[in-house]
Protein backbone atom coordinates (compact mmCIF):
# COMPACT_ATOMS: atom_id res chain seq x y z
CA MET A 1 23.81 12.56 7.49
CA GLY A 2 24.48 12.79 3.68
CA SER A 3 24.33 9.03 3.06
CA GLY A 4 20.89 9.82 1.17
CA TYR A 5 18.72 7.55 3.75
CA ILE A 6 15.24 7.93 3.98
CA PHE A 7 13.30 6.36 7.18
CA ILE A 8 9.63 6.13 7.28
CA SER A 9 7.79 6.40 10.38
CA TYR A 10 4.21 5.18 10.38
CA ARG A 11 1.52 3.42 12.78
CA ARG A 12 0.70 -0.26 11.25
CA ASP A 13 -2.98 0.06 12.82
CA ASP A 14 -3.51 3.46 11.08
CA SER A 15 -1.38 3.89 7.87
CA ALA A 16 -0.05 0.28 6.78
CA GLY A 17 -1.68 0.14 3.18
CA TYR A 18 -1.01 3.78 2.56
CA THR A 19 2.68 3.62 3.79
CA ARG A 20 3.28 0.45 1.67
CA ALA A 21 1.98 1.85 -1.48
CA ILE A 22 4.22 4.91 -0.72
CA CYS A 23 7.20 3.02 -0.15
CA ASP A 24 7.04 1.14 -3.09
CA LYS A 25 6.11 4.63 -5.33
CA LEU A 26 9.65 5.82 -3.43
CA ALA A 27 11.64 3.00 -4.37
CA GLU A 28 11.02 3.61 -7.89
CA ARG A 29 12.89 6.75 -7.39
CA PHE A 30 15.40 5.68 -5.12
CA SER A 31 17.32 2.45 -4.23
CA LYS A 32 14.88 0.59 -2.31
CA ASP A 33 18.01 0.11 0.09
CA ARG A 34 17.60 3.69 1.03
CA ILE A 35 15.02 3.63 2.66
CA PHE A 36 14.02 2.37 5.98
CA MET A 37 10.59 0.52 6.55
CA ASP A 38 10.68 -1.59 9.83
CA VAL A 39 8.55 -4.80 8.26
CA ASP A 40 11.50 -4.89 5.45
CA SER A 41 14.31 -3.39 6.99
CA ILE A 42 14.82 -5.52 10.44
CA GLU A 43 16.26 -8.97 10.40
CA PRO A 44 14.92 -11.58 12.46
CA GLY A 45 16.01 -11.50 16.02
CA SER A 46 17.06 -7.79 16.04
CA SER A 47 16.52 -5.45 18.63
CA PHE A 48 14.06 -3.14 17.43
CA ASP A 49 14.75 -0.07 19.29
CA GLU A 50 18.23 -0.13 18.93
CA VAL A 51 17.88 -0.50 15.16
CA ILE A 52 15.38 2.34 14.99
CA SER A 53 17.65 4.54 16.88
CA THR A 54 20.74 4.03 14.03
CA ALA A 55 18.17 3.73 10.85
CA VAL A 56 17.28 7.12 11.99
CA GLY A 57 21.08 8.44 12.97
CA ARG A 58 21.84 7.61 9.35
CA CYS A 59 19.17 9.05 7.77
CA ASP A 60 18.72 12.22 6.33
CA VAL A 61 14.96 12.83 6.15
CA LEU A 62 12.15 11.32 7.96
CA LEU A 63 8.69 11.21 6.56
CA ALA A 64 6.04 10.87 9.59
CA MET A 65 3.58 9.09 8.27
CA ILE A 66 0.16 10.45 9.86
CA GLY A 67 -3.27 8.95 9.04
CA LYS A 68 -6.60 9.34 10.79
CA ARG A 69 -6.27 7.59 13.67
CA TRP A 70 -2.41 8.52 14.40
CA LEU A 71 -3.50 10.17 17.56
CA GLU A 72 -5.63 7.47 18.78
CA ALA A 73 -5.68 6.29 22.13
CA LYS A 74 -4.60 3.01 23.22
CA ASP A 75 -6.06 0.70 25.97
CA GLY A 76 -8.01 3.46 27.60
CA SER A 77 -4.52 5.69 28.54
CA GLY A 78 -4.76 8.24 26.10
CA PRO A 79 -3.10 9.44 23.18
CA ARG A 80 -0.13 7.01 22.43
CA ILE A 81 2.26 9.72 21.62
CA ASN A 82 2.59 10.72 24.85
CA ASP A 83 4.18 7.16 25.85
CA PRO A 84 7.66 7.78 26.41
CA LYS A 85 7.79 4.54 25.15
CA ASP A 86 5.73 4.75 22.04
CA PHE A 87 8.34 4.04 18.92
CA VAL A 88 6.94 6.52 16.65
CA ARG A 89 7.56 9.11 19.58
CA ILE A 90 11.13 7.85 19.82
CA GLU A 91 11.88 7.45 16.00
CA ILE A 92 10.40 11.46 15.37
CA THR A 93 12.18 12.95 18.52
CA ALA A 94 15.51 11.01 17.68
CA ALA A 95 15.29 12.90 13.99
CA LEU A 96 14.39 16.20 15.14
CA SER A 97 17.00 16.29 18.13
CA ARG A 98 19.58 15.38 15.25
CA ASN A 99 17.84 18.42 13.05
CA ILE A 100 17.36 15.66 10.23
CA ARG A 101 14.70 16.82 7.86
CA VAL A 102 11.15 15.67 9.45
CA ILE A 103 8.36 15.64 6.63
CA PRO A 104 4.57 15.14 8.18
CA VAL A 105 2.73 13.20 5.39
CA LEU A 106 -1.18 13.62 6.01
CA LEU A 107 -3.02 11.08 4.38
CA ASP A 108 -6.39 10.57 3.25
CA ASP A 109 -7.57 14.20 4.44
CA ALA A 110 -6.08 13.52 7.88
CA ARG A 111 -5.35 16.70 9.63
CA MET A 112 -2.10 17.94 11.26
CA PRO A 113 -2.14 17.49 15.29
CA ALA A 114 -2.09 20.72 17.33
CA PRO A 115 0.81 21.62 18.81
CA ASP A 116 -0.87 21.44 22.42
CA ALA A 117 -1.66 17.83 21.49
CA LEU A 118 1.65 16.82 21.46
CA PRO A 119 4.27 15.81 23.75
CA GLU A 120 7.09 18.41 24.41
CA PRO A 121 10.06 16.44 22.45
CA VAL A 122 7.45 16.04 19.55
CA ARG A 123 5.96 19.27 19.95
CA PRO A 124 7.96 20.66 16.57
CA LEU A 125 6.67 18.18 14.22
CA ALA A 126 3.38 20.65 14.00
CA PHE A 127 5.07 23.77 12.93
CA ARG A 128 7.12 21.78 10.09
CA ASN A 129 5.22 21.90 6.45
CA ALA A 130 3.44 18.62 5.51
CA ILE A 131 2.39 16.98 2.46
CA GLU A 132 -0.89 15.70 1.93
CA ILE A 133 -1.42 12.34 0.17
CA SER A 134 -5.12 11.78 -0.94
CA GLY A 135 -6.69 8.80 -1.36
CA ASP A 136 -8.41 9.40 -4.84
CA SER A 137 -6.94 10.09 -7.99
CA GLY A 138 -4.22 12.28 -7.15
CA PHE A 139 -2.57 9.79 -5.30
CA ALA A 140 0.04 9.01 -8.07
CA SER A 141 0.82 12.91 -8.58
CA ASP A 142 0.85 13.46 -4.59
CA VAL A 143 3.75 11.19 -4.04
CA ASP A 144 5.59 12.25 -7.12
CA ARG A 145 5.57 15.39 -5.01
CA LEU A 146 7.00 14.10 -2.34
CA ALA A 147 9.19 12.34 -4.11
CA ASP A 148 10.61 15.37 -5.46
CA ALA A 149 10.41 17.22 -1.89
CA VAL A 150 12.21 14.00 -0.47
CA GLY A 151 15.05 14.09 -3.59
CA LYS A 152 15.85 17.51 -2.37
CA ALA A 153 16.54 17.12 1.07
CA VAL A 154 18.87 13.78 0.24
CA GLY A 155 20.56 16.06 -2.63
CA GLN A 156 18.97 13.82 -5.65
CA THR A 157 18.12 17.57 -7.96
CA GLY A 158 15.47 16.73 -10.74
CA ARG A 159 13.70 13.33 -11.62
CA PRO A 160 15.45 10.24 -13.31
CA GLY A 161 15.21 10.67 -16.82
CA SER A 162 11.96 10.15 -18.53
CA ARG A 163 11.99 6.10 -17.28
CA ARG A 164 8.67 5.44 -19.22
CA ARG A 165 5.79 3.40 -17.58
CA MET A 166 5.14 0.12 -19.47
CA LEU A 167 1.49 -0.47 -19.19
CA THR A 168 0.24 -4.30 -19.35
CA TRP A 169 -3.00 -5.04 -20.58
CA LEU A 170 -4.42 -8.86 -21.88
CA LEU A 171 -5.98 -9.71 -25.01
CA GLY A 172 -7.88 -12.71 -26.63
CA THR A 173 -6.86 -15.61 -24.56
CA ALA A 174 -5.10 -16.81 -21.68
CA GLY A 175 -1.33 -16.61 -22.04
CA VAL A 176 -1.43 -13.68 -24.30
CA VAL A 177 -0.11 -10.11 -22.76
CA THR A 178 0.21 -6.70 -24.71
CA ALA A 179 2.64 -4.56 -23.07
CA ALA A 180 2.22 -1.29 -24.29
CA SER A 181 3.86 2.21 -23.38
CA THR A 182 4.44 5.39 -25.22
CA ALA A 183 7.42 4.13 -27.01
CA GLY A 184 5.18 1.80 -28.98
CA ILE A 185 3.47 -1.35 -28.80
CA VAL A 186 5.62 -5.08 -27.89
CA LEU A 187 3.90 -8.69 -27.57
CA HIS A 188 4.72 -11.08 -25.32
CA ARG A 189 3.05 -14.27 -26.24
CA TRP A 190 4.41 -16.41 -22.86
CA THR A 191 3.08 -14.21 -20.02
CA PRO A 192 0.91 -16.47 -17.67
CA VAL A 193 -2.79 -15.81 -17.08
CA GLN A 194 -5.16 -16.74 -14.82
CA LYS A 195 -8.91 -16.24 -15.75
CA GLN A 196 -12.13 -16.99 -13.86
CA TRP A 197 -11.96 -14.14 -11.17
CA ARG A 198 -15.28 -12.30 -10.77
CA PHE A 199 -16.55 -9.42 -8.68
CA CYS A 200 -18.80 -10.23 -5.85
CA GLU A 201 -22.43 -8.57 -5.38
CA LYS A 202 -22.31 -8.83 -2.11
CA CYS A 203 -19.06 -8.19 -0.54
CA LYS A 204 -17.27 -6.02 -3.50
CA SER A 205 -14.40 -8.18 -3.14
CA LEU A 206 -12.41 -9.98 -5.97
CA PHE A 207 -12.47 -13.75 -5.72
CA PHE A 208 -11.46 -16.76 -7.63
CA ASP A 209 -14.36 -18.64 -9.27
CA GLY A 210 -12.80 -21.10 -10.91
CA ALA A 211 -12.89 -23.67 -8.07
CA GLN A 212 -15.59 -26.27 -6.52
CA GLY A 213 -17.61 -23.87 -4.68
CA LYS A 214 -17.73 -20.05 -3.93
CA GLY A 215 -15.08 -19.50 -1.34
CA VAL A 216 -16.80 -17.88 2.06
CA CYS A 217 -17.97 -14.10 1.81
CA PRO A 218 -18.46 -11.95 4.60
CA ALA A 219 -21.67 -10.57 3.86
CA GLY A 220 -23.12 -14.79 4.27
CA GLY A 221 -22.93 -18.09 2.70
CA GLY A 222 -20.53 -18.03 -0.66
CA HIS A 223 -19.56 -15.73 -2.87
CA SER A 224 -21.79 -14.25 -5.67
CA ALA A 225 -20.21 -13.22 -9.60
CA VAL A 226 -21.23 -10.79 -11.06
CA GLY A 227 -19.95 -8.87 -14.32
CA PHE A 228 -16.60 -9.15 -15.98
CA ASN A 229 -14.31 -12.34 -16.18
CA PHE A 230 -10.89 -10.83 -14.78
CA MET A 231 -7.76 -12.01 -16.53
CA LEU A 232 -4.84 -11.52 -14.12
CA THR A 233 -0.97 -12.40 -14.92
CA HIS A 234 1.00 -14.25 -12.54
CA ASP A 235 4.71 -14.79 -11.72
CA VAL A 236 6.48 -12.59 -13.76
CA ALA A 237 8.75 -9.78 -13.63
CA GLY A 238 7.29 -5.96 -14.93
CA PRO A 239 5.53 -3.43 -13.83
CA GLY A 240 2.97 -3.91 -11.57
CA GLN A 241 2.46 -4.89 -7.51
CA ARG A 242 3.37 -8.42 -7.10
CA ASP A 243 2.37 -10.51 -3.78
CA TRP A 244 -0.88 -10.59 -4.46
CA ARG A 245 -2.51 -13.99 -3.30
CA SER A 246 -5.70 -16.08 -3.69
CA CYS A 247 -6.82 -17.09 0.02
CA ALA A 248 -7.11 -20.97 0.24
CA LYS A 249 -9.83 -20.86 2.56
CA CYS A 250 -12.21 -17.92 1.07
CA SER A 251 -10.97 -17.37 -2.44
CA THR A 252 -10.79 -13.69 -2.58
CA LEU A 253 -7.16 -11.82 -3.81
CA PHE A 254 -5.59 -10.82 -0.92
CA TRP A 255 -2.13 -8.68 -0.72
CA ASP A 256 0.23 -11.00 0.86
CA GLY A 257 3.74 -8.64 1.67
CA TYR A 258 3.13 -7.85 5.19
CA PRO A 259 3.86 -10.23 8.11
CA GLN A 260 0.31 -10.45 8.89
CA LYS A 261 -2.20 -11.94 6.83
CA GLY A 262 -5.18 -9.73 7.25
CA VAL A 263 -8.59 -11.04 8.28
CA CYS A 264 -10.66 -13.68 6.34
CA ALA A 265 -14.28 -14.31 5.84
CA ALA A 266 -13.48 -17.98 7.04
CA GLY A 267 -11.87 -16.94 9.72
CA GLY A 268 -8.23 -16.07 11.35
CA SER A 269 -5.94 -14.85 8.83
CA HIS A 270 -5.64 -15.48 4.94
CA VAL A 271 -3.73 -18.70 3.71
CA ALA A 272 -1.81 -18.11 0.59
CA ALA A 273 -2.19 -20.51 -1.97
CA GLY A 274 -1.24 -20.79 -5.97
CA PHE A 275 -0.02 -18.09 -8.06
CA ASN A 276 1.98 -14.86 -6.97
CA PHE A 277 -0.05 -11.65 -8.99
CA VAL A 278 1.14 -8.88 -10.36
CA VAL A 279 -1.53 -6.30 -10.59
CA THR A 280 -1.21 -2.78 -12.52
CA TYR A 281 -2.00 0.31 -10.63
CA ASP A 282 -2.20 3.86 -11.23
CA VAL A 283 -2.47 3.75 -15.01
CA ALA A 284 -5.16 5.02 -17.92
CA GLY A 285 -6.34 2.41 -20.70
CA PRO A 286 -8.28 -0.66 -21.27
CA GLY A 287 -9.58 -2.37 -18.15
CA GLN A 288 -11.80 -2.30 -15.34
CA GLN A 289 -10.45 1.13 -12.70
CA ASN A 290 -11.68 1.81 -8.89
CA TRP A 291 -10.38 -1.49 -7.57
CA ARG A 292 -8.34 -1.05 -4.57
CA PHE A 293 -6.33 -2.77 -1.43
CA CYS A 294 -8.40 -3.15 2.03
CA GLU A 295 -6.19 -1.87 4.72
CA LYS A 296 -8.52 -4.09 7.04
CA CYS A 297 -8.86 -7.19 5.79
CA PHE A 298 -6.06 -6.82 3.03
CA SER A 299 -8.14 -8.00 -0.02
CA MET A 300 -9.08 -6.23 -3.31
CA PHE A 301 -12.09 -4.86 -3.33
CA PHE A 302 -14.20 -2.25 -6.22
CA ASP A 303 -14.70 0.88 -4.87
CA GLY A 304 -16.37 2.64 -7.55
CA TYR A 305 -19.98 2.44 -5.46
CA PRO A 306 -20.47 4.83 -2.42
CA ALA A 307 -21.11 1.63 -0.31
CA LYS A 308 -18.10 0.10 0.60
CA GLY A 309 -19.02 -3.49 0.50
CA THR A 310 -18.68 -5.83 3.86
CA CYS A 311 -15.41 -6.64 4.92
CA PRO A 312 -14.63 -9.61 7.48
CA ALA A 313 -12.57 -7.10 10.01
CA GLY A 314 -16.20 -5.51 10.16
CA GLY A 315 -18.14 -2.43 8.91
CA GLY A 316 -17.02 -1.70 5.53
CA HIS A 317 -14.28 -2.29 3.13
CA GLN A 318 -11.15 0.71 3.52
CA ALA A 319 -9.39 1.77 0.83
CA ALA A 320 -5.47 2.71 0.88
CA GLY A 321 -3.04 2.82 -1.65
CA TYR A 322 -2.75 2.39 -5.26
CA HIS A 323 -5.52 2.73 -7.63
CA PHE A 324 -5.54 -0.98 -9.54
CA VAL A 325 -6.89 -1.47 -13.26
CA LEU A 326 -7.85 -5.25 -13.71
CA PRO A 327 -7.98 -6.61 -17.63
CA TYR A 328 -10.97 -8.52 -17.98
CA GLU A 329 -12.35 -10.57 -21.06
CA GLU A 330 -14.88 -9.07 -23.21
């Protein structure tokens, strides 16, 4: 140990959206190559279990991401954690047996598993002090607390010296971006922008309204635009989350950062087309708040209503991760 590596243990169908958002936030504090998350860290053709065993052995801290479905049964055979071949069980058992710091991370009101709900090799997890990550406006501060705890575990004392977050806002006409920070105002007049992104009043998702037709809405028919004309920056470096893409089939904005491509209302998975959009998150300022990533279909939807719209994966959308802020044309 002593290498400063961080291992993130999670279930994709339980907490993939939250885990990705938390991983991105941790990468702002610690270098990305010190964080092991299987989707990013395993080369094609590598042995999954061998890579995991080696990675756990190198780390100083393991984050056990626990969502509401973490203990869920699979194929009617009881909780997955009871299966000796369950990868999450293997990961946590390996860390506990090596006396590596294990921090349970409870996501969006998930509860700590009771000791008697866990198999013997994993049972010590139930007695580890957990950190709760909320899915509301407290997300950023909760992740900061987690990062502080991780910093202590890997021997990094204190936060990096006051790196000011730049806030990116769009003004006036397409192609003009004002980047504002606490240090002052800087104008960038070459940032590419695409307009005509709209809110669909039927499914609550964000879709592109500038092409022929209205895409495919999971609530039936084409999308129905109401409200603001949103403007998204694309193909730029800077603050915000990259890899947001337009789906060529349904016209919604979806996150293309996973090997899986979510669920498309037109059938199958999303198909990325066009620009690579960069969307700002967890900031105060001009723009509409409450835009979220749906961990079921991977699209962006507006989470400002009690009802959660219509998700192509079934039911309503399920919010996870960042709180995005979308600039719009006045």
